[in-house]
N, C-alpha and C. Protein backbone atom coordinates (compact mmCIF):
# COMPACT_ATOMS: atom_id res chain seq x y z
N UNK A 1 16.16 2.81 12.16
CA UNK A 1 14.72 3.34 11.91
C UNK A 1 14.63 4.54 10.97
N UNK A 2 15.68 5.15 10.33
CA UNK A 2 15.64 5.88 9.40
C UNK A 2 15.27 5.17 8.19
N UNK A 3 15.62 3.95 7.87
CA UNK A 3 15.28 3.02 6.68
C UNK A 3 14.00 2.83 7.04
N UNK A 4 13.25 2.51 7.90
CA UNK A 4 11.72 2.15 8.32
C UNK A 4 11.39 3.34 7.80
N UNK A 5 11.61 4.50 8.06
CA UNK A 5 10.86 5.91 7.92
C UNK A 5 10.76 5.95 6.63
N UNK A 6 11.76 5.81 5.75
CA UNK A 6 12.09 6.04 4.44
C UNK A 6 10.90 4.93 3.57
N UNK A 7 11.15 3.90 4.02
CA UNK A 7 10.10 2.74 3.29
C UNK A 7 8.88 2.96 3.73
N UNK A 8 8.27 3.48 4.68
CA UNK A 8 7.23 3.90 5.15
C UNK A 8 6.41 4.98 4.50
N UNK A 9 7.48 6.22 4.08
CA UNK A 9 7.02 7.26 3.38
C UNK A 9 6.64 6.79 1.63
N UNK A 10 7.74 5.91 1.39
CA UNK A 10 7.72 5.18 -0.10
C UNK A 10 6.45 4.52 -0.07
N UNK A 11 6.24 3.75 0.97
CA UNK A 11 4.84 2.84 0.80
C UNK A 11 3.73 3.73 0.75
N UNK A 12 3.49 4.73 1.65
CA UNK A 12 2.55 5.44 1.71
C UNK A 12 2.17 6.35 0.12
N UNK A 13 3.17 6.85 -0.47
CA UNK A 13 3.03 7.49 -1.72
C UNK A 13 2.68 6.46 -2.78
N UNK A 14 3.27 5.22 -2.83
CA UNK A 14 2.91 4.16 -3.80
C UNK A 14 1.31 3.87 -3.52
N UNK A 15 0.77 3.67 -2.02
CA UNK A 15 -0.56 3.49 -2.20
C UNK A 15 -1.48 4.73 -2.58
N UNK A 16 -1.01 6.00 -2.21
CA UNK A 16 -2.00 6.94 -2.62
C UNK A 16 -2.04 6.94 -4.17
N UNK A 17 -0.85 6.82 -4.82
CA UNK A 17 -0.58 6.74 -6.48
C UNK A 17 -1.83 5.79 -6.74
N UNK A 18 -1.65 4.35 -6.41
CA UNK A 18 -2.54 3.49 -6.74
C UNK A 18 -3.96 4.22 -6.56
N UNK A 19 -4.40 4.44 -5.27
CA UNK A 19 -5.83 4.85 -5.00
C UNK A 19 -6.12 6.18 -6.39
N UNK A 20 -5.45 7.13 -6.40
CA UNK A 20 -5.52 8.14 -7.13
C UNK A 20 -5.49 8.16 -8.68
N UNK A 21 -4.60 7.09 -9.10
CA UNK A 21 -4.46 6.73 -10.75
C UNK A 21 -4.68 5.47 -11.00
N UNK A 22 -4.01 4.68 -10.49
CA UNK A 22 -4.11 3.14 -10.86
C UNK A 22 -5.51 2.53 -10.93
N UNK A 23 -5.88 2.50 -9.77
CA UNK A 23 -7.41 1.82 -9.39
C UNK A 23 -8.40 2.46 -10.44
N UNK A 24 -8.52 3.74 -10.57
CA UNK A 24 -9.53 4.38 -11.43
C UNK A 24 -9.45 3.73 -12.62
N UNK A 25 -8.07 3.71 -13.09
CA UNK A 25 -7.87 3.13 -14.28
C UNK A 25 -8.18 1.78 -14.56
N UNK A 26 -8.08 1.02 -13.78
CA UNK A 26 -8.25 -0.58 -13.90
C UNK A 26 -9.89 -0.42 -13.68
N UNK A 27 -10.46 0.07 -13.04
CA UNK A 27 -12.08 0.04 -12.75
C UNK A 27 -12.80 0.76 -14.09
N UNK A 28 -12.18 1.68 -14.63
CA UNK A 28 -12.87 2.21 -15.93
C UNK A 28 -12.79 0.88 -17.07
N UNK A 29 -11.69 0.18 -17.08
CA UNK A 29 -11.16 -0.73 -18.01
C UNK A 29 -11.91 -2.47 -17.58
N UNK A 30 -11.99 -2.27 -16.51
CA UNK A 30 -12.57 -3.53 -15.68
C UNK A 30 -13.77 -3.29 -14.56
N UNK A 31 -14.99 -2.98 -14.84
CA UNK A 31 -15.80 -2.40 -13.76
C UNK A 31 -16.12 -3.73 -12.59
N UNK A 32 -15.94 -4.98 -13.50
CA UNK A 32 -16.21 -6.17 -12.28
C UNK A 32 -15.31 -6.07 -11.38
N UNK A 33 -14.15 -5.39 -11.45
CA UNK A 33 -13.11 -5.58 -10.08
C UNK A 33 -13.57 -4.27 -9.12
N UNK A 34 -14.40 -3.74 -9.37
CA UNK A 34 -14.52 -2.64 -8.48
C UNK A 34 -14.68 -3.01 -6.85
N UNK A 35 -15.45 -4.29 -6.45
CA UNK A 35 -15.19 -4.95 -5.33
C UNK A 35 -13.72 -4.82 -4.73
N UNK A 36 -12.79 -5.32 -5.72
CA UNK A 36 -11.51 -5.78 -5.41
C UNK A 36 -10.77 -4.64 -5.34
N UNK A 37 -10.86 -3.57 -5.86
CA UNK A 37 -10.26 -2.46 -5.83
C UNK A 37 -10.63 -1.59 -4.41
N UNK A 38 -11.93 -1.84 -4.03
CA UNK A 38 -12.49 -1.12 -2.62
C UNK A 38 -11.56 -1.95 -1.85
N UNK A 39 -11.81 -3.20 -1.94
CA UNK A 39 -10.99 -3.97 -0.77
C UNK A 39 -9.28 -3.44 -0.47
N UNK A 40 -8.89 -3.16 -1.72
CA UNK A 40 -7.45 -2.87 -1.70
C UNK A 40 -7.49 -1.44 -0.99
N UNK A 41 -8.15 -0.65 -1.31
CA UNK A 41 -8.13 0.86 -0.97
C UNK A 41 -8.53 0.79 0.68
N UNK A 42 -9.58 -0.07 1.13
CA UNK A 42 -9.54 -0.13 2.63
C UNK A 42 -8.30 -0.78 3.27
N UNK A 43 -7.48 -1.75 2.58
CA UNK A 43 -6.19 -2.22 2.90
C UNK A 43 -5.24 -1.03 3.12
N UNK A 44 -5.25 0.04 2.18
CA UNK A 44 -4.41 1.29 2.14
C UNK A 44 -4.96 1.85 3.49
N UNK A 45 -5.98 2.19 3.76
CA UNK A 45 -6.26 2.69 4.94
C UNK A 45 -6.06 2.31 6.33
N UNK A 46 -6.02 1.07 6.18
CA UNK A 46 -5.58 0.34 7.44
C UNK A 46 -4.11 0.23 7.54
N UNK A 47 -3.20 0.13 6.46
CA UNK A 47 -1.87 0.21 6.58
C UNK A 47 -1.58 1.57 6.87
N UNK A 48 -2.10 2.57 6.41
CA UNK A 48 -1.52 4.12 6.76
C UNK A 48 -1.88 3.86 8.21
N UNK A 49 -3.11 3.57 8.84
CA UNK A 49 -3.22 3.74 10.32
C UNK A 49 -1.86 2.77 11.20
N UNK A 50 -1.58 1.78 10.61
CA UNK A 50 -0.52 0.88 11.05
C UNK A 50 0.91 1.70 11.26
N UNK A 51 0.89 2.45 10.06
CA UNK A 51 2.26 3.04 9.93
C UNK A 51 2.43 4.25 10.71
N UNK A 52 1.05 4.91 10.85
CA UNK A 52 1.06 6.20 11.89
C UNK A 52 1.61 5.81 13.17
N UNK A 53 1.00 4.46 13.56
CA UNK A 53 0.83 4.29 14.95
C UNK A 53 2.59 3.59 15.15
N UNK A 54 3.23 3.12 14.10
CA UNK A 54 4.62 2.68 14.30
C UNK A 54 5.47 4.05 14.43
N UNK A 55 5.15 4.94 13.46
CA UNK A 55 6.00 6.14 13.71
C UNK A 55 5.85 6.81 15.06
N UNK A 56 4.44 6.78 15.42
CA UNK A 56 4.50 7.42 16.83
C UNK A 56 5.29 6.67 17.99
N UNK A 57 5.38 5.27 17.79
CA UNK A 57 5.81 4.52 18.61
C UNK A 57 7.36 4.48 18.50
N UNK A 58 7.84 4.71 17.29
CA UNK A 58 9.60 4.96 17.30
C UNK A 58 9.79 6.24 17.59
N UNK A 59 8.94 7.42 17.60
CA UNK A 59 9.33 8.80 18.03
C UNK A 59 8.91 8.83 19.48
N UNK A 60 8.18 7.90 19.91
CA UNK A 60 8.10 7.84 21.27
C UNK A 60 8.98 7.33 22.21
N UNK A 61 9.94 6.76 21.48
CA UNK A 61 10.99 5.94 22.30
C UNK A 61 10.47 4.71 22.90
N UNK A 62 9.62 4.12 22.60
CA UNK A 62 9.03 2.64 23.20
C UNK A 62 10.09 1.56 23.00
N UNK A 63 9.87 0.66 23.95
CA UNK A 63 10.78 -0.44 23.98
C UNK A 63 11.08 -1.11 22.84
N UNK A 64 12.16 -2.05 22.37
CA UNK A 64 12.08 -2.46 21.34
C UNK A 64 11.23 -3.62 20.98
N UNK A 65 10.70 -4.22 22.02
CA UNK A 65 9.76 -5.37 21.91
C UNK A 65 8.47 -4.62 21.44
N UNK A 66 7.78 -3.45 21.87
CA UNK A 66 6.85 -2.98 21.27
C UNK A 66 7.13 -2.49 19.83
N UNK A 67 8.12 -1.93 19.32
CA UNK A 67 8.33 -1.68 17.93
C UNK A 67 8.49 -2.82 17.22
N UNK A 68 8.96 -4.17 17.57
CA UNK A 68 8.83 -5.26 16.80
C UNK A 68 7.24 -5.86 16.80
N UNK A 69 6.61 -5.44 17.65
CA UNK A 69 4.96 -5.69 17.23
C UNK A 69 4.48 -4.94 16.38
N UNK A 70 4.67 -3.85 16.42
CA UNK A 70 4.19 -2.69 15.35
C UNK A 70 4.49 -3.32 14.09
N UNK A 71 5.95 -3.57 13.81
CA UNK A 71 6.58 -4.00 12.87
C UNK A 71 5.78 -5.26 12.10
N UNK A 72 5.60 -6.29 13.10
CA UNK A 72 5.07 -7.48 13.04
C UNK A 72 3.77 -7.50 12.56
N UNK A 73 2.82 -6.52 12.74
CA UNK A 73 1.60 -6.05 12.42
C UNK A 73 1.65 -5.72 11.23
N UNK A 74 2.43 -4.47 10.73
CA UNK A 74 2.73 -4.07 9.54
C UNK A 74 3.05 -5.11 8.36
N UNK A 75 3.91 -6.11 8.70
CA UNK A 75 4.45 -6.79 8.07
C UNK A 75 3.43 -7.95 7.78
N UNK A 76 2.43 -8.64 8.49
CA UNK A 76 1.18 -9.47 8.43
C UNK A 76 0.58 -8.80 7.45
N UNK A 77 -0.03 -7.61 7.65
CA UNK A 77 -1.11 -6.92 6.70
C UNK A 77 -0.27 -6.97 5.16
N UNK A 78 0.99 -6.69 5.18
CA UNK A 78 1.31 -6.28 3.63
C UNK A 78 1.65 -7.55 3.20
N UNK A 79 1.92 -8.69 3.75
CA UNK A 79 2.08 -9.98 3.11
C UNK A 79 0.42 -10.37 2.39
N UNK A 80 -0.55 -10.32 3.31
CA UNK A 80 -1.70 -10.29 2.81
C UNK A 80 -2.22 -9.54 1.65
N UNK A 81 -1.70 -8.47 1.71
CA UNK A 81 -2.21 -7.27 0.63
C UNK A 81 -1.62 -7.33 -0.43
N UNK A 82 -0.15 -8.09 -0.40
CA UNK A 82 0.28 -8.32 -1.93
C UNK A 82 0.14 -9.59 -2.54
N UNK A 83 -0.31 -10.57 -1.35
CA UNK A 83 -0.96 -11.76 -2.07
C UNK A 83 -2.34 -11.50 -2.76
N UNK A 84 -3.22 -11.01 -2.01
CA UNK A 84 -4.44 -10.62 -2.60
C UNK A 84 -4.38 -9.77 -3.92
N UNK A 85 -3.41 -8.77 -3.96
CA UNK A 85 -3.44 -7.97 -5.08
C UNK A 85 -2.73 -8.72 -6.19
N UNK A 86 -2.15 -9.45 -6.08
CA UNK A 86 -1.27 -10.31 -7.00
C UNK A 86 -2.39 -11.35 -7.87
N UNK A 87 -2.94 -12.06 -6.75
CA UNK A 87 -4.01 -12.97 -7.12
C UNK A 87 -4.88 -12.31 -7.87
N UNK A 88 -5.65 -11.28 -7.77
CA UNK A 88 -6.71 -10.33 -8.35
C UNK A 88 -6.56 -9.86 -9.61
N UNK A 89 -4.99 -9.10 -9.36
CA UNK A 89 -5.01 -7.87 -10.53
C UNK A 89 -3.62 -8.45 -11.57
N UNK A 90 -2.90 -9.14 -11.17
CA UNK A 90 -1.60 -9.34 -11.90
C UNK A 90 -1.94 -9.46 -13.30
N UNK A 91 -2.91 -10.45 -13.81
CA UNK A 91 -3.06 -10.51 -15.20
C UNK A 91 -3.84 -9.15 -15.94
N UNK A 92 -4.50 -8.28 -15.26
CA UNK A 92 -5.18 -7.08 -15.57
C UNK A 92 -3.94 -6.29 -15.92
N UNK A 93 -2.92 -5.89 -14.70
CA UNK A 93 -1.94 -5.17 -14.60
C UNK A 93 -0.82 -5.38 -15.86
N UNK A 94 -0.72 -6.63 -16.05
CA UNK A 94 0.29 -7.09 -17.34
C UNK A 94 -0.22 -6.48 -18.60
N UNK A 95 -1.60 -6.30 -18.59
CA UNK A 95 -2.13 -6.24 -20.03
C UNK A 95 -2.76 -4.55 -19.86
N UNK A 96 -2.75 -3.90 -18.85
CA UNK A 96 -3.18 -2.53 -18.65
C UNK A 96 -2.21 -1.76 -19.46
N UNK A 97 -2.70 -0.76 -20.32
CA UNK A 97 -1.89 0.28 -20.88
C UNK A 97 -2.13 1.67 -20.25
N UNK A 98 -1.30 2.11 -19.59
CA UNK A 98 -1.49 3.31 -18.89
C UNK A 98 -0.96 4.38 -19.54
N UNK A 99 -1.57 5.82 -19.71
CA UNK A 99 -1.15 6.83 -20.29
C UNK A 99 -0.68 7.91 -19.33
N UNK A 100 0.40 7.34 -18.22
CA UNK A 100 0.52 8.09 -16.91
C UNK A 100 2.26 7.99 -16.91
N UNK A 101 2.63 8.86 -16.18
CA UNK A 101 4.03 9.08 -15.71
C UNK A 101 3.98 7.76 -14.53
N UNK A 102 4.85 6.78 -14.52
CA UNK A 102 4.81 5.43 -13.69
C UNK A 102 4.75 6.16 -12.24
N UNK A 103 5.73 7.30 -11.95
CA UNK A 103 5.79 8.11 -10.68
C UNK A 103 4.50 8.47 -9.95
N UNK A 104 3.73 8.86 -10.97
CA UNK A 104 2.30 9.15 -10.57
C UNK A 104 1.60 8.23 -10.06
N UNK A 105 1.67 7.11 -10.71
CA UNK A 105 0.97 5.79 -10.47
C UNK A 105 1.51 5.11 -9.08
N UNK A 106 2.88 4.92 -9.02
CA UNK A 106 3.06 4.06 -8.04
C UNK A 106 3.97 4.83 -6.98
N UNK A 107 4.35 5.82 -7.09
CA UNK A 107 4.87 7.01 -6.18
C UNK A 107 6.35 6.97 -6.60
N UNK A 108 7.02 7.79 -5.89
CA UNK A 108 8.56 7.70 -6.01
C UNK A 108 9.32 6.87 -5.21
N UNK A 109 9.65 5.69 -5.58
CA UNK A 109 10.48 4.59 -4.80
C UNK A 109 12.01 5.02 -4.89
């Protein structure tokens, strides 16, 4: 669970960095992507709720099968989120020139 907690913290910081710095930079350069960026930001909020529930379950000493259900939910959302993000933004990200510290944009991994 320690590794899970570390991953969840890193993922949260990564999403906060995207929402705070990366997505505004993309939207400034590509306003047509605003709906995509909103959907990704909404995903981040949903993932945050799932990670909070996972942490509460882990700290509450729930049975392993309950933890597994939480992990499966997070995993399913993350797979869809990453696939959508790559389909919609990969080309833009490859060409985007950001004048920012990568740790501020992507979180400390």
